Amino acid sequence: MIQFFHVSKRFPGGQLALDDVSFEIARGQFCFLTGASGAGKTTLLRLILRDEVPNSGQIVVNGRNVASIPRGKIPFLRRSIGVVFQDFRLIDRKTVFENVAFLPRLLGHDLTRQKRLAFEALRRVGLAHRMAAFPRELSGGEQQRIAIARALIAEPEIVIADEPTGNLDPDLAREIVRLFLDIHLRGTTVLFATHDRDLIERVGHRVLTLAHGRIVADRQAAGAAPPAPIALPEAAPERPSGEEIPT
């Protein structure tokens, strides 16, 4: 699903971000990526998304050599990968519906399909009732759940999360982790970058540790107190009569 073969990345000026990195994440696996600030986590994620290209080595995502994908085909790669950021990246002047439905709108789906896809994605994170709200009306935890819904709307094979709990208090962080565990249980590959070692040890699962651009550990954390996944139902019910969805 995600394979790195002796990947190195050096930025202009000589800064070495990744140094001879090799690993494989199997289809449907949940994997933490951890390390101190500057260890190379964000660079590694950007390489998967083809936001950067390696100086050497090979990256294979869903059987495709990422570096060899023509520029015009990069959007097709990214549609198979849902991305969740620490800072939410919601558009304040847009409603929740408009934020979540961005990709279906970009793909040319009609408004009815946009509404259905957005409603189902939001229902999976428990926020279908907030479709008409604006981001400023939501809590930090709700905004992150909206960002997760946006990442899920195209049913991606892979979900990448870059410090998604970094701006949240511990209770909200556990809630967000439960959502990612639910995503994982549905068969989606999840790569969850975090510097929160306590969170990793509580949850468990595979852990890749970066230090100075190198993989220094690849282990299985036992999970001292793993949160139970939410396990929201897959199918969306009929919308209650009278419920309005923004247009």
C-alpha atoms as a PDB file:
ATOM      1  CA  MET A   1       0.000   0.000   0.000  1.00  0.00           C
ATOM      2  CA  ILE A   2       2.746   2.479   1.039  1.00  0.00           C
ATOM      3  CA  GLN A   3       6.359   1.481   0.389  1.00  0.00           C
ATOM      4  CA  PHE A   4       9.563   3.481   0.802  1.00  0.00           C
ATOM      5  CA  PHE A   5      12.777   2.058  -0.642  1.00  0.00           C
ATOM      6  CA  HIS A   6      15.975   3.829   0.513  1.00  0.00           C
ATOM      7  CA  VAL A   7      14.368   7.262   0.221  1.00  0.00           C
ATOM      8  CA  SER A   8      16.428  10.390   0.879  1.00  0.00           C
ATOM      9  CA  LYS A   9      15.309  14.004   0.636  1.00  0.00           C
ATOM     10  CA  ARG A  10      17.605  17.016   0.799  1.00  0.00           C
ATOM     11  CA  PHE A  11      16.300  20.561   0.510  1.00  0.00           C
ATOM     12  CA  PRO A  12      18.067  23.452  -1.236  1.00  0.00           C
ATOM     13  CA  GLY A  13      20.776  24.733   1.060  1.00  0.00           C
ATOM     14  CA  GLY A  14      21.792  21.242   2.051  1.00  0.00           C
ATOM     15  CA  GLN A  15      19.293  20.406   4.815  1.00  0.00           C
ATOM     16  CA  LEU A  16      18.836  16.625   4.934  1.00  0.00           C
ATOM     17  CA  ALA A  17      15.198  15.913   5.805  1.00  0.00           C
ATOM     18  CA  LEU A  18      15.124  12.143   5.207  1.00  0.00           C
ATOM     19  CA  ASP A  19      18.109   9.807   5.028  1.00  0.00           C
ATOM     20  CA  ASP A  20      17.843   6.311   3.488  1.00  0.00           C
ATOM     21  CA  VAL A  21      14.313   5.633   4.767  1.00  0.00           C
ATOM     22  CA  SER A  22      12.744   2.224   4.028  1.00  0.00           C
ATOM     23  CA  PHE A  23       9.465   0.778   5.335  1.00  0.00           C
ATOM     24  CA  GLU A  24       6.209  -0.764   4.178  1.00  0.00           C
ATOM     25  CA  ILE A  25       2.677  -0.175   5.450  1.00  0.00           C
ATOM     26  CA  ALA A  26       0.280  -2.918   4.396  1.00  0.00           C
ATOM     27  CA  ARG A  27      -3.242  -2.367   3.124  1.00  0.00           C
ATOM     28  CA  GLY A  28      -5.668  -1.758   5.990  1.00  0.00           C
ATOM     29  CA  GLN A  29      -2.962  -1.188   8.622  1.00  0.00           C
ATOM     30  CA  PHE A  30      -3.047   1.509  11.313  1.00  0.00           C
ATOM     31  CA  CYS A  31       0.408   3.000  11.855  1.00  0.00           C
ATOM     32  CA  PHE A  32       1.678   5.852  14.011  1.00  0.00           C
ATOM     33  CA  LEU A  33       4.536   8.018  12.750  1.00  0.00           C
ATOM     34  CA  THR A  34       6.343   9.793  15.552  1.00  0.00           C
ATOM     35  CA  GLY A  35       9.456  11.791  16.311  1.00  0.00           C
ATOM     36  CA  ALA A  36      10.524  15.171  17.633  1.00  0.00           C
ATOM     37  CA  SER A  37       9.845  18.380  15.722  1.00  0.00           C
ATOM     38  CA  GLY A  38      12.165  18.476  12.728  1.00  0.00           C
ATOM     39  CA  ALA A  39      12.563  14.694  12.615  1.00  0.00           C
ATOM     40  CA  GLY A  40      11.112  14.511   9.084  1.00  0.00           C
ATOM     41  CA  LYS A  41       7.474  13.495   9.671  1.00  0.00           C
ATOM     42  CA  THR A  42       5.866  16.199   7.572  1.00  0.00           C
ATOM     43  CA  THR A  43       8.403  15.754   4.762  1.00  0.00           C
ATOM     44  CA  LEU A  44       7.612  12.033   4.674  1.00  0.00           C
ATOM     45  CA  LEU A  45       3.882  12.739   4.379  1.00  0.00           C
ATOM     46  CA  ARG A  46       4.457  15.334   1.658  1.00  0.00           C
ATOM     47  CA  LEU A  47       6.455  12.776  -0.318  1.00  0.00           C
ATOM     48  CA  ILE A  48       3.531  10.322  -0.200  1.00  0.00           C
ATOM     49  CA  LEU A  49       1.247  13.040  -1.583  1.00  0.00           C
ATOM     50  CA  ARG A  50       3.794  14.029  -4.244  1.00  0.00           C
ATOM     51  CA  ASP A  51       4.030  17.529  -2.768  1.00  0.00           C
ATOM     52  CA  GLU A  52       7.763  16.777  -2.759  1.00  0.00           C
ATOM     53  CA  VAL A  53       9.914  14.333  -4.726  1.00  0.00           C
ATOM     54  CA  PRO A  54      12.856  12.387  -3.268  1.00  0.00           C
ATOM     55  CA  ASN A  55      16.449  12.991  -4.290  1.00  0.00           C
ATOM     56  CA  SER A  56      16.995   9.255  -4.294  1.00  0.00           C
ATOM     57  CA  GLY A  57      15.075   6.056  -3.644  1.00  0.00           C
ATOM     58  CA  GLN A  58      11.579   4.991  -4.639  1.00  0.00           C
ATOM     59  CA  ILE A  59       8.117   5.570  -3.168  1.00  0.00           C
ATOM     60  CA  VAL A  60       5.254   3.264  -4.170  1.00  0.00           C
ATOM     61  CA  VAL A  61       1.645   4.093  -3.220  1.00  0.00           C
ATOM     62  CA  ASN A  62      -1.155   1.743  -4.274  1.00  0.00           C
ATOM     63  CA  GLY A  63       1.265   0.013  -6.637  1.00  0.00           C
ATOM     64  CA  ARG A  64       2.348   3.217  -8.391  1.00  0.00           C
ATOM     65  CA  ASN A  65       5.804   4.777  -8.361  1.00  0.00           C
ATOM     66  CA  VAL A  66       4.894   8.225  -7.046  1.00  0.00           C
ATOM     67  CA  ALA A  67       7.905  10.062  -8.475  1.00  0.00           C
ATOM     68  CA  SER A  68       7.172   8.840 -12.005  1.00  0.00           C
ATOM     69  CA  ILE A  69       3.519   9.958 -12.053  1.00  0.00           C
ATOM     70  CA  PRO A  70       3.090  12.724 -14.671  1.00  0.00           C
ATOM     71  CA  ARG A  71       2.172  16.095 -13.205  1.00  0.00           C
ATOM     72  CA  GLY A  72      -1.260  15.962 -14.813  1.00  0.00           C
ATOM     73  CA  LYS A  73      -2.028  12.645 -13.100  1.00  0.00           C
ATOM     74  CA  ILE A  74      -1.057  13.741  -9.570  1.00  0.00           C
ATOM     75  CA  PRO A  75      -4.663  14.742  -8.686  1.00  0.00           C
ATOM     76  CA  PHE A  76      -5.749  11.141  -9.360  1.00  0.00           C
ATOM     77  CA  LEU A  77      -3.201   9.928  -6.790  1.00  0.00           C
ATOM     78  CA  ARG A  78      -4.406  12.448  -4.233  1.00  0.00           C
ATOM     79  CA  ARG A  79      -8.063  11.488  -4.676  1.00  0.00           C
ATOM     80  CA  SER A  80      -7.179   8.053  -3.257  1.00  0.00           C
ATOM     81  CA  ILE A  81      -5.658   9.670  -0.152  1.00  0.00           C
ATOM     82  CA  GLY A  82      -7.619  11.568   2.482  1.00  0.00           C
ATOM     83  CA  VAL A  83      -5.583  14.131   4.436  1.00  0.00           C
ATOM     84  CA  VAL A  84      -6.300  15.622   7.868  1.00  0.00           C
ATOM     85  CA  PHE A  85      -4.187  18.509   9.172  1.00  0.00           C
ATOM     86  CA  GLN A  86      -3.516  19.856  12.649  1.00  0.00           C
ATOM     87  CA  ASP A  87      -4.907  23.302  11.787  1.00  0.00           C
ATOM     88  CA  PHE A  88      -8.169  21.980  10.229  1.00  0.00           C
ATOM     89  CA  ARG A  89      -7.826  24.149   7.064  1.00  0.00           C
ATOM     90  CA  LEU A  90     -11.513  24.948   6.893  1.00  0.00           C
ATOM     91  CA  ILE A  91     -12.700  27.984   4.933  1.00  0.00           C
ATOM     92  CA  ASP A  92     -14.342  30.323   7.437  1.00  0.00           C
ATOM     93  CA  ARG A  93     -16.730  31.951   4.955  1.00  0.00           C
ATOM     94  CA  LYS A  94     -18.046  28.562   3.786  1.00  0.00           C
ATOM     95  CA  THR A  95     -20.597  26.420   5.597  1.00  0.00           C
ATOM     96  CA  VAL A  96     -19.745  22.956   6.879  1.00  0.00           C
ATOM     97  CA  PHE A  97     -21.530  21.501   3.856  1.00  0.00           C
ATOM     98  CA  GLU A  98     -19.536  23.672   1.447  1.00  0.00           C
ATOM     99  CA  ASN A  99     -16.251  22.763   3.144  1.00  0.00           C
ATOM    100  CA  VAL A 100     -16.942  19.031   3.104  1.00  0.00           C
ATOM    101  CA  ALA A 101     -18.395  18.957  -0.413  1.00  0.00           C
ATOM    102  CA  PHE A 102     -15.378  20.686  -1.970  1.00  0.00           C
ATOM    103  CA  LEU A 103     -14.051  17.579  -3.754  1.00  0.00           C
ATOM    104  CA  PRO A 104     -17.404  16.361  -5.168  1.00  0.00           C
ATOM    105  CA  ARG A 105     -18.015  19.909  -6.403  1.00  0.00           C
ATOM    106  CA  LEU A 106     -14.552  19.978  -8.000  1.00  0.00           C
ATOM    107  CA  LEU A 107     -15.293  16.656  -9.696  1.00  0.00           C
ATOM    108  CA  GLY A 108     -18.453  18.091 -11.231  1.00  0.00           C
ATOM    109  CA  HIS A 109     -21.065  16.161  -9.242  1.00  0.00           C
ATOM    110  CA  ASP A 110     -24.495  17.745  -9.236  1.00  0.00           C
ATOM    111  CA  LEU A 111     -25.808  19.412  -6.111  1.00  0.00           C
ATOM    112  CA  THR A 112     -27.993  16.473  -5.105  1.00  0.00           C
ATOM    113  CA  ARG A 113     -25.032  14.102  -5.100  1.00  0.00           C
ATOM    114  CA  GLN A 114     -22.856  16.657  -3.293  1.00  0.00           C
ATOM    115  CA  LYS A 115     -25.484  16.850  -0.534  1.00  0.00           C
ATOM    116  CA  ARG A 116     -25.785  13.083  -0.240  1.00  0.00           C
ATOM    117  CA  LEU A 117     -22.022  12.506  -0.075  1.00  0.00           C
ATOM    118  CA  ALA A 118     -21.524  15.328   2.429  1.00  0.00           C
ATOM    119  CA  PHE A 119     -24.401  14.118   4.611  1.00  0.00           C
ATOM    120  CA  GLU A 120     -22.999  10.571   4.707  1.00  0.00           C
ATOM    121  CA  ALA A 121     -19.444  11.742   5.481  1.00  0.00           C
ATOM    122  CA  LEU A 122     -20.666  14.052   8.232  1.00  0.00           C
ATOM    123  CA  ARG A 123     -22.885  11.352   9.673  1.00  0.00           C
ATOM    124  CA  ARG A 124     -19.848   9.098  10.048  1.00  0.00           C
ATOM    125  CA  VAL A 125     -18.285  11.691  12.375  1.00  0.00           C
ATOM    126  CA  GLY A 126     -21.553  12.468  14.157  1.00  0.00           C
ATOM    127  CA  LEU A 127     -22.074  15.966  12.748  1.00  0.00           C
ATOM    128  CA  ALA A 128     -24.692  15.661  10.003  1.00  0.00           C
ATOM    129  CA  HIS A 129     -26.863  18.074  11.986  1.00  0.00           C
ATOM    130  CA  ARG A 130     -24.227  20.835  11.619  1.00  0.00           C
ATOM    131  CA  MET A 131     -24.229  21.063   7.804  1.00  0.00           C
ATOM    132  CA  ALA A 132     -25.512  24.645   7.766  1.00  0.00           C
ATOM    133  CA  ALA A 133     -23.099  25.927  10.442  1.00  0.00           C
ATOM    134  CA  PHE A 134     -19.949  27.949   9.808  1.00  0.00           C
ATOM    135  CA  PRO A 135     -16.548  26.873  11.210  1.00  0.00           C
ATOM    136  CA  ARG A 136     -16.456  29.784  13.670  1.00  0.00           C
ATOM    137  CA  GLU A 137     -19.616  28.387  15.293  1.00  0.00           C
ATOM    138  CA  LEU A 138     -17.942  25.059  16.083  1.00  0.00           C
ATOM    139  CA  SER A 139     -15.637  23.886  18.837  1.00  0.00           C
ATOM    140  CA  GLY A 140     -12.090  22.780  18.067  1.00  0.00           C
ATOM    141  CA  GLY A 141     -13.086  19.139  18.323  1.00  0.00           C
ATOM    142  CA  GLU A 142     -16.035  19.671  15.982  1.00  0.00           C
ATOM    143  CA  GLN A 143     -13.835  21.474  13.460  1.00  0.00           C
ATOM    144  CA  GLN A 144     -11.402  18.571  13.431  1.00  0.00           C
ATOM    145  CA  ARG A 145     -14.267  16.126  12.920  1.00  0.00           C
ATOM    146  CA  ILE A 146     -15.412  18.253   9.959  1.00  0.00           C
ATOM    147  CA  ALA A 147     -11.885  18.032   8.544  1.00  0.00           C
ATOM    148  CA  ILE A 148     -12.024  14.237   8.933  1.00  0.00           C
ATOM    149  CA  ALA A 149     -15.385  14.114   7.141  1.00  0.00           C
ATOM    150  CA  ARG A 150     -13.873  16.115   4.279  1.00  0.00           C
ATOM    151  CA  ALA A 151     -11.017  13.591   4.073  1.00  0.00           C
ATOM    152  CA  LEU A 152     -13.471  10.662   3.995  1.00  0.00           C
ATOM    153  CA  ILE A 153     -15.950  11.967   1.430  1.00  0.00           C
ATOM    154  CA  ALA A 154     -14.285  10.222  -1.529  1.00  0.00           C
ATOM    155  CA  GLU A 155     -13.919   6.907   0.366  1.00  0.00           C
ATOM    156  CA  PRO A 156     -10.100   7.015   0.133  1.00  0.00           C
ATOM    157  CA  GLU A 157      -7.982   3.891   0.392  1.00  0.00           C
ATOM    158  CA  ILE A 158      -5.479   5.745   2.584  1.00  0.00           C
ATOM    159  CA  VAL A 159      -5.979   8.419   5.244  1.00  0.00           C
ATOM    160  CA  ILE A 160      -2.997  10.502   6.354  1.00  0.00           C
ATOM    161  CA  ALA A 161      -3.242  12.593   9.510  1.00  0.00           C
ATOM    162  CA  ASP A 162      -0.584  15.191  10.315  1.00  0.00           C
ATOM    163  CA  GLU A 163      -0.729  15.915  14.069  1.00  0.00           C
ATOM    164  CA  PRO A 164      -4.568  15.921  14.079  1.00  0.00           C
ATOM    165  CA  THR A 165      -4.759  16.097  17.888  1.00  0.00           C
ATOM    166  CA  GLY A 166      -1.998  18.670  18.359  1.00  0.00           C
ATOM    167  CA  ASN A 167      -4.360  21.577  19.095  1.00  0.00           C
ATOM    168  CA  LEU A 168      -6.873  19.616  21.174  1.00  0.00           C
ATOM    169  CA  ASP A 169      -7.189  18.891  24.881  1.00  0.00           C
ATOM    170  CA  PRO A 170      -6.749  15.256  26.015  1.00  0.00           C
ATOM    171  CA  ASP A 171     -10.480  14.411  26.051  1.00  0.00           C
ATOM    172  CA  LEU A 172     -11.031  15.762  22.539  1.00  0.00           C
ATOM    173  CA  ALA A 173      -7.835  14.045  21.369  1.00  0.00           C
ATOM    174  CA  ARG A 174      -9.215  10.673  22.531  1.00  0.00           C
ATOM    175  CA  GLU A 175     -12.459  11.378  20.660  1.00  0.00           C
ATOM    176  CA  ILE A 176     -10.537  12.077  17.446  1.00  0.00           C
ATOM    177  CA  VAL A 177      -8.421   8.939  17.875  1.00  0.00           C
ATOM    178  CA  ARG A 178     -11.617   6.883  18.233  1.00  0.00           C
ATOM    179  CA  LEU A 179     -12.763   8.222  14.866  1.00  0.00           C
ATOM    180  CA  PHE A 180      -9.507   7.169  13.233  1.00  0.00           C
ATOM    181  CA  LEU A 181      -9.794   3.716  14.784  1.00  0.00           C
ATOM    182  CA  ASP A 182     -13.290   3.450  13.304  1.00  0.00           C
ATOM    183  CA  ILE A 183     -11.889   4.448   9.895  1.00  0.00           C
ATOM    184  CA  HIS A 184      -9.222   1.758  10.277  1.00  0.00           C
ATOM    185  CA  LEU A 185     -11.772  -0.919  11.200  1.00  0.00           C
ATOM    186  CA  ARG A 186     -13.559  -0.271   7.902  1.00  0.00           C
ATOM    187  CA  GLY A 187     -10.410  -1.387   6.052  1.00  0.00           C
ATOM    188  CA  THR A 188      -8.787   1.976   5.370  1.00  0.00           C
ATOM    189  CA  THR A 189      -5.027   2.329   5.726  1.00  0.00           C
ATOM    190  CA  VAL A 190      -4.267   5.016   8.336  1.00  0.00           C
ATOM    191  CA  LEU A 191      -0.934   6.799   8.827  1.00  0.00           C
ATOM    192  CA  PHE A 192      -1.207   9.006  11.911  1.00  0.00           C
ATOM    193  CA  ALA A 193       1.690  11.401  12.588  1.00  0.00           C
ATOM    194  CA  THR A 194       2.039  12.624  16.161  1.00  0.00           C
ATOM    195  CA  HIS A 195       4.684  13.636  18.676  1.00  0.00           C
ATOM    196  CA  ASP A 196       2.408  12.568  21.571  1.00  0.00           C
ATOM    197  CA  ARG A 197       4.169   9.489  22.979  1.00  0.00           C
ATOM    198  CA  ASP A 198       1.595   9.045  25.762  1.00  0.00           C
ATOM    199  CA  LEU A 199      -1.206   8.876  23.200  1.00  0.00           C
ATOM    200  CA  ILE A 200       0.668   6.211  21.236  1.00  0.00           C
ATOM    201  CA  GLU A 201       1.313   4.048  24.293  1.00  0.00           C
ATOM    202  CA  ARG A 202      -2.341   4.251  25.353  1.00  0.00           C
ATOM    203  CA  VAL A 203      -3.739   3.388  21.912  1.00  0.00           C
ATOM    204  CA  GLY A 204      -1.241   0.790  20.683  1.00  0.00           C
ATOM    205  CA  HIS A 205      -0.719  -0.337  17.050  1.00  0.00           C
ATOM    206  CA  ARG A 206       2.422  -0.135  14.944  1.00  0.00           C
ATOM    207  CA  VAL A 207       4.814   2.762  15.551  1.00  0.00           C
ATOM    208  CA  LEU A 208       7.471   4.132  13.188  1.00  0.00           C
ATOM    209  CA  THR A 209       9.892   6.505  14.920  1.00  0.00           C
ATOM    210  CA  LEU A 210      11.903   9.104  13.009  1.00  0.00           C
ATOM    211  CA  ALA A 211      14.997  10.868  14.362  1.00  0.00           C
ATOM    212  CA  HIS A 212      17.203  13.177  12.301  1.00  0.00           C
ATOM    213  CA  GLY A 213      15.562  11.938   9.124  1.00  0.00           C
ATOM    214  CA  ARG A 214      16.076   8.225   9.752  1.00  0.00           C
ATOM    215  CA  ILE A 215      13.767   5.420  10.913  1.00  0.00           C
ATOM    216  CA  VAL A 216      15.253   4.496  14.282  1.00  0.00           C
ATOM    217  CA  ALA A 217      12.479   2.174  15.503  1.00  0.00           C
ATOM    218  CA  ASP A 218       9.659   0.093  14.030  1.00  0.00           C
ATOM    219  CA  ARG A 219       7.676  -1.587  16.794  1.00  0.00           C
ATOM    220  CA  GLN A 220       4.249  -2.651  17.969  1.00  0.00           C
ATOM    221  CA  ALA A 221       2.912  -0.676  20.950  1.00  0.00           C
ATOM    222  CA  ALA A 222       0.810  -2.846  23.232  1.00  0.00           C
ATOM    223  CA  GLY A 223      -1.772  -0.190  24.083  1.00  0.00           C
ATOM    224  CA  ALA A 224      -2.263   0.399  27.806  1.00  0.00           C
ATOM    225  CA  ALA A 225      -5.791   1.806  27.446  1.00  0.00           C
ATOM    226  CA  PRO A 226      -6.954   1.768  23.814  1.00  0.00           C
ATOM    227  CA  PRO A 227     -10.145   3.782  23.272  1.00  0.00           C
ATOM    228  CA  ALA A 228     -13.094   1.827  21.942  1.00  0.00           C
ATOM    229  CA  PRO A 229     -13.875   2.786  18.332  1.00  0.00           C
ATOM    230  CA  ILE A 230     -17.124   4.633  17.751  1.00  0.00           C
ATOM    231  CA  ALA A 231     -18.264   2.218  15.019  1.00  0.00           C
ATOM    232  CA  LEU A 232     -20.813   4.534  13.453  1.00  0.00           C
ATOM    233  CA  PRO A 233     -23.135   2.799  10.970  1.00  0.00           C
ATOM    234  CA  GLU A 234     -22.012   2.841   7.360  1.00  0.00           C
ATOM    235  CA  ALA A 235     -25.275   3.549   5.609  1.00  0.00           C
ATOM    236  CA  ALA A 236     -26.932   6.904   5.954  1.00  0.00           C
ATOM    237  CA  PRO A 237     -30.624   6.864   6.816  1.00  0.00           C
ATOM    238  CA  GLU A 238     -33.190   8.928   5.031  1.00  0.00           C
ATOM    239  CA  ARG A 239     -32.925  12.539   6.014  1.00  0.00           C
ATOM    240  CA  PRO A 240     -35.586  13.477   8.581  1.00  0.00           C
ATOM    241  CA  SER A 241     -38.426  15.448   7.072  1.00  0.00           C
ATOM    242  CA  GLY A 242     -37.986  19.162   7.521  1.00  0.00           C
ATOM    243  CA  GLU A 243     -34.182  18.934   7.892  1.00  0.00           C
ATOM    244  CA  GLU A 244     -32.612  21.528   5.654  1.00  0.00           C
ATOM    245  CA  ILE A 245     -29.285  21.214   3.861  1.00  0.00           C
ATOM    246  CA  PRO A 246     -27.612  24.413   2.637  1.00  0.00           C
ATOM    247  CA  THR A 247     -27.561  25.080  -1.088  1.00  0.00           C
END
